[in-house]
Amino acid sequence: MENCKDYGWDYLLRFKDGSILSIAEEYEAIPEKGKIGKAE
């Protein structure tokens, strides 16, 4: 992700549901999820 930031590239992270439970829990806690826009 640092390389993307350094080059000004946009990126999208994706994970398979159920593969890493801690990431799924953190994702569900993000209030902005599903909104269109640029995350910083």
PDB file of N, CA and C in Angstrom:
ATOM      1  N   MET A   1       0.823  -1.185   0.000  1.00  0.00           N
ATOM      2  CA  MET A   1       0.000   0.000   0.000  1.00  0.00           C
ATOM      3  C   MET A   1       0.866   1.247   0.000  1.00  0.00           C
ATOM      4  N   GLU A   2       2.005   1.162   0.649  1.00  0.00           N
ATOM      5  CA  GLU A   2       2.896   2.327   0.664  1.00  0.00           C
ATOM      6  C   GLU A   2       3.344   2.693  -0.749  1.00  0.00           C
ATOM      7  N   ASN A   3       3.637   1.687  -1.575  1.00  0.00           N
ATOM      8  CA  ASN A   3       4.020   1.971  -2.965  1.00  0.00           C
ATOM      9  C   ASN A   3       2.899   2.680  -3.700  1.00  0.00           C
ATOM     10  N   CYS A   4       1.677   2.240  -3.495  1.00  0.00           N
ATOM     11  CA  CYS A   4       0.538   2.890  -4.132  1.00  0.00           C
ATOM     12  C   CYS A   4       0.446   4.346  -3.700  1.00  0.00           C
ATOM     13  N   LYS A   5       0.598   4.591  -2.417  1.00  0.00           N
ATOM     14  CA  LYS A   5       0.553   5.959  -1.908  1.00  0.00           C
ATOM     15  C   LYS A   5       1.694   6.793  -2.486  1.00  0.00           C
ATOM     16  N   ASP A   6       2.894   6.213  -2.534  1.00  0.00           N
ATOM     17  CA  ASP A   6       4.055   6.931  -3.059  1.00  0.00           C
ATOM     18  C   ASP A   6       3.857   7.356  -4.511  1.00  0.00           C
ATOM     19  N   TYR A   7       3.209   6.489  -5.307  1.00  0.00           N
ATOM     20  CA  TYR A   7       2.992   6.783  -6.721  1.00  0.00           C
ATOM     21  C   TYR A   7       1.652   7.471  -6.999  1.00  0.00           C
ATOM     22  N   GLY A   8       0.858   7.691  -5.960  1.00  0.00           N
ATOM     23  CA  GLY A   8      -0.441   8.337  -6.148  1.00  0.00           C
ATOM     24  C   GLY A   8      -1.476   7.433  -6.788  1.00  0.00           C
ATOM     25  N   TRP A   9      -1.271   6.115  -6.683  1.00  0.00           N
ATOM     26  CA  TRP A   9      -2.206   5.155  -7.264  1.00  0.00           C
ATOM     27  C   TRP A   9      -3.365   4.906  -6.319  1.00  0.00           C
ATOM     28  N   ASP A  10      -4.539   4.666  -6.891  1.00  0.00           N
ATOM     29  CA  ASP A  10      -5.685   4.208  -6.109  1.00  0.00           C
ATOM     30  C   ASP A  10      -5.555   2.701  -5.929  1.00  0.00           C
ATOM     31  N   TYR A  11      -6.170   2.184  -4.895  1.00  0.00           N
ATOM     32  CA  TYR A  11      -6.118   0.740  -4.680  1.00  0.00           C
ATOM     33  C   TYR A  11      -7.373   0.280  -3.969  1.00  0.00           C
ATOM     34  N   LEU A  12      -7.610  -1.004  -4.069  1.00  0.00           N
ATOM     35  CA  LEU A  12      -8.771  -1.637  -3.453  1.00  0.00           C
ATOM     36  C   LEU A  12      -8.280  -2.902  -2.775  1.00  0.00           C
ATOM     37  N   LEU A  13      -8.670  -3.080  -1.551  1.00  0.00           N
ATOM     38  CA  LEU A  13      -8.306  -4.295  -0.818  1.00  0.00           C
ATOM     39  C   LEU A  13      -9.510  -5.213  -0.776  1.00  0.00           C
ATOM     40  N   ARG A  14      -9.247  -6.485  -0.921  1.00  0.00           N
ATOM     41  CA  ARG A  14     -10.328  -7.453  -0.886  1.00  0.00           C
ATOM     42  C   ARG A  14      -9.854  -8.694  -0.157  1.00  0.00           C
ATOM     43  N   PHE A  15     -10.726  -9.293   0.590  1.00  0.00           N
ATOM     44  CA  PHE A  15     -10.408 -10.545   1.248  1.00  0.00           C
ATOM     45  C   PHE A  15     -11.593 -11.484   1.127  1.00  0.00           C
ATOM     46  N   LYS A  16     -11.311 -12.768   1.205  1.00  0.00           N
ATOM     47  CA  LYS A  16     -12.360 -13.775   1.112  1.00  0.00           C
ATOM     48  C   LYS A  16     -13.081 -13.855   2.449  1.00  0.00           C
ATOM     49  N   ASP A  17     -14.398 -13.747   2.406  1.00  0.00           N
ATOM     50  CA  ASP A  17     -15.210 -13.817   3.615  1.00  0.00           C
ATOM     51  C   ASP A  17     -14.867 -15.070   4.412  1.00  0.00           C
ATOM     52  N   GLY A  18     -14.620 -14.891   5.691  1.00  0.00           N
ATOM     53  CA  GLY A  18     -14.345 -16.015   6.566  1.00  0.00           C
ATOM     54  C   GLY A  18     -12.887 -16.435   6.626  1.00  0.00           C
ATOM     55  N   SER A  19     -12.031 -15.828   5.768  1.00  0.00           N
ATOM     56  CA  SER A  19     -10.639 -16.270   5.754  1.00  0.00           C
ATOM     57  C   SER A  19      -9.821 -15.681   6.898  1.00  0.00           C
ATOM     58  N   ILE A  20     -10.075 -14.449   7.252  1.00  0.00           N
ATOM     59  CA  ILE A  20      -9.348 -13.815   8.353  1.00  0.00           C
ATOM     60  C   ILE A  20     -10.382 -13.076   9.201  1.00  0.00           C
ATOM     61  N   LEU A  21     -10.837 -13.726  10.228  1.00  0.00           N
ATOM     62  CA  LEU A  21     -11.940 -13.205  11.034  1.00  0.00           C
ATOM     63  C   LEU A  21     -11.651 -11.820  11.597  1.00  0.00           C
ATOM     64  N   SER A  22     -10.420 -11.565  12.037  1.00  0.00           N
ATOM     65  CA  SER A  22     -10.112 -10.260  12.636  1.00  0.00           C
ATOM     66  C   SER A  22     -10.274  -9.139  11.627  1.00  0.00           C
ATOM     67  N   ILE A  23      -9.938  -9.384  10.357  1.00  0.00           N
ATOM     68  CA  ILE A  23     -10.113  -8.349   9.331  1.00  0.00           C
ATOM     69  C   ILE A  23     -11.599  -8.125   9.077  1.00  0.00           C
ATOM     70  N   ALA A  24     -12.373  -9.187   9.035  1.00  0.00           N
ATOM     71  CA  ALA A  24     -13.817  -9.056   8.829  1.00  0.00           C
ATOM     72  C   ALA A  24     -14.439  -8.233   9.951  1.00  0.00           C
ATOM     73  N   GLU A  25     -14.018  -8.462  11.173  1.00  0.00           N
ATOM     74  CA  GLU A  25     -14.559  -7.711  12.307  1.00  0.00           C
ATOM     75  C   GLU A  25     -14.182  -6.234  12.217  1.00  0.00           C
ATOM     76  N   GLU A  26     -12.927  -5.949  11.848  1.00  0.00           N
ATOM     77  CA  GLU A  26     -12.501  -4.565  11.704  1.00  0.00           C
ATOM     78  C   GLU A  26     -13.264  -3.878  10.578  1.00  0.00           C
ATOM     79  N   TYR A  27     -13.461  -4.586   9.472  1.00  0.00           N
ATOM     80  CA  TYR A  27     -14.205  -4.020   8.342  1.00  0.00           C
ATOM     81  C   TYR A  27     -15.631  -3.680   8.747  1.00  0.00           C
ATOM     82  N   GLU A  28     -16.287  -4.581   9.421  1.00  0.00           N
ATOM     83  CA  GLU A  28     -17.675  -4.343   9.828  1.00  0.00           C
ATOM     84  C   GLU A  28     -17.788  -3.152  10.774  1.00  0.00           C
ATOM     85  N   ALA A  29     -16.713  -2.828  11.475  1.00  0.00           N
ATOM     86  CA  ALA A  29     -16.733  -1.703  12.422  1.00  0.00           C
ATOM     87  C   ALA A  29     -16.498  -0.352  11.745  1.00  0.00           C
ATOM     88  N   ILE A  30     -16.145  -0.332  10.467  1.00  0.00           N
ATOM     89  CA  ILE A  30     -15.877   0.920   9.762  1.00  0.00           C
ATOM     90  C   ILE A  30     -17.202   1.596   9.418  1.00  0.00           C
ATOM     91  N   PRO A  31     -17.461   2.778   9.979  1.00  0.00           N
ATOM     92  CA  PRO A  31     -18.753   3.429   9.719  1.00  0.00           C
ATOM     93  C   PRO A  31     -18.898   3.928   8.283  1.00  0.00           C
ATOM     94  N   GLU A  32     -17.799   4.209   7.597  1.00  0.00           N
ATOM     95  CA  GLU A  32     -17.861   4.760   6.243  1.00  0.00           C
ATOM     96  C   GLU A  32     -17.970   3.697   5.157  1.00  0.00           C
ATOM     97  N   LYS A  33     -17.936   2.424   5.508  1.00  0.00           N
ATOM     98  CA  LYS A  33     -17.939   1.379   4.472  1.00  0.00           C
ATOM     99  C   LYS A  33     -19.174   1.518   3.584  1.00  0.00           C
ATOM    100  N   GLY A  34     -18.967   1.236   2.342  1.00  0.00           N
ATOM    101  CA  GLY A  34     -20.061   1.305   1.376  1.00  0.00           C
ATOM    102  C   GLY A  34     -20.286   2.682   0.796  1.00  0.00           C
ATOM    103  N   LYS A  35     -19.607   3.683   1.314  1.00  0.00           N
ATOM    104  CA  LYS A  35     -19.737   5.026   0.763  1.00  0.00           C
ATOM    105  C   LYS A  35     -18.750   5.203  -0.380  1.00  0.00           C
ATOM    106  N   ILE A  36     -19.137   5.973  -1.348  1.00  0.00           N
ATOM    107  CA  ILE A  36     -18.269   6.260  -2.491  1.00  0.00           C
ATOM    108  C   ILE A  36     -17.408   7.470  -2.131  1.00  0.00           C
ATOM    109  N   GLY A  37     -16.136   7.358  -2.395  1.00  0.00           N
ATOM    110  CA  GLY A  37     -15.239   8.463  -2.112  1.00  0.00           C
ATOM    111  C   GLY A  37     -13.835   7.959  -1.950  1.00  0.00           C
ATOM    112  N   LYS A  38     -12.964   8.851  -1.591  1.00  0.00           N
ATOM    113  CA  LYS A  38     -11.557   8.505  -1.449  1.00  0.00           C
ATOM    114  C   LYS A  38     -11.239   8.348   0.035  1.00  0.00           C
ATOM    115  N   ALA A  39     -10.694   7.203   0.389  1.00  0.00           N
ATOM    116  CA  ALA A  39     -10.274   6.959   1.769  1.00  0.00           C
ATOM    117  C   ALA A  39      -8.832   7.407   1.923  1.00  0.00           C
ATOM    118  N   GLU A  40      -8.507   7.908   3.059  1.00  0.00           N
ATOM    119  CA  GLU A  40      -7.134   8.342   3.340  1.00  0.00           C
ATOM    120  C   GLU A  40      -6.583   7.538   4.494  1.00  0.00           C
TER     121      GLU A  40
END
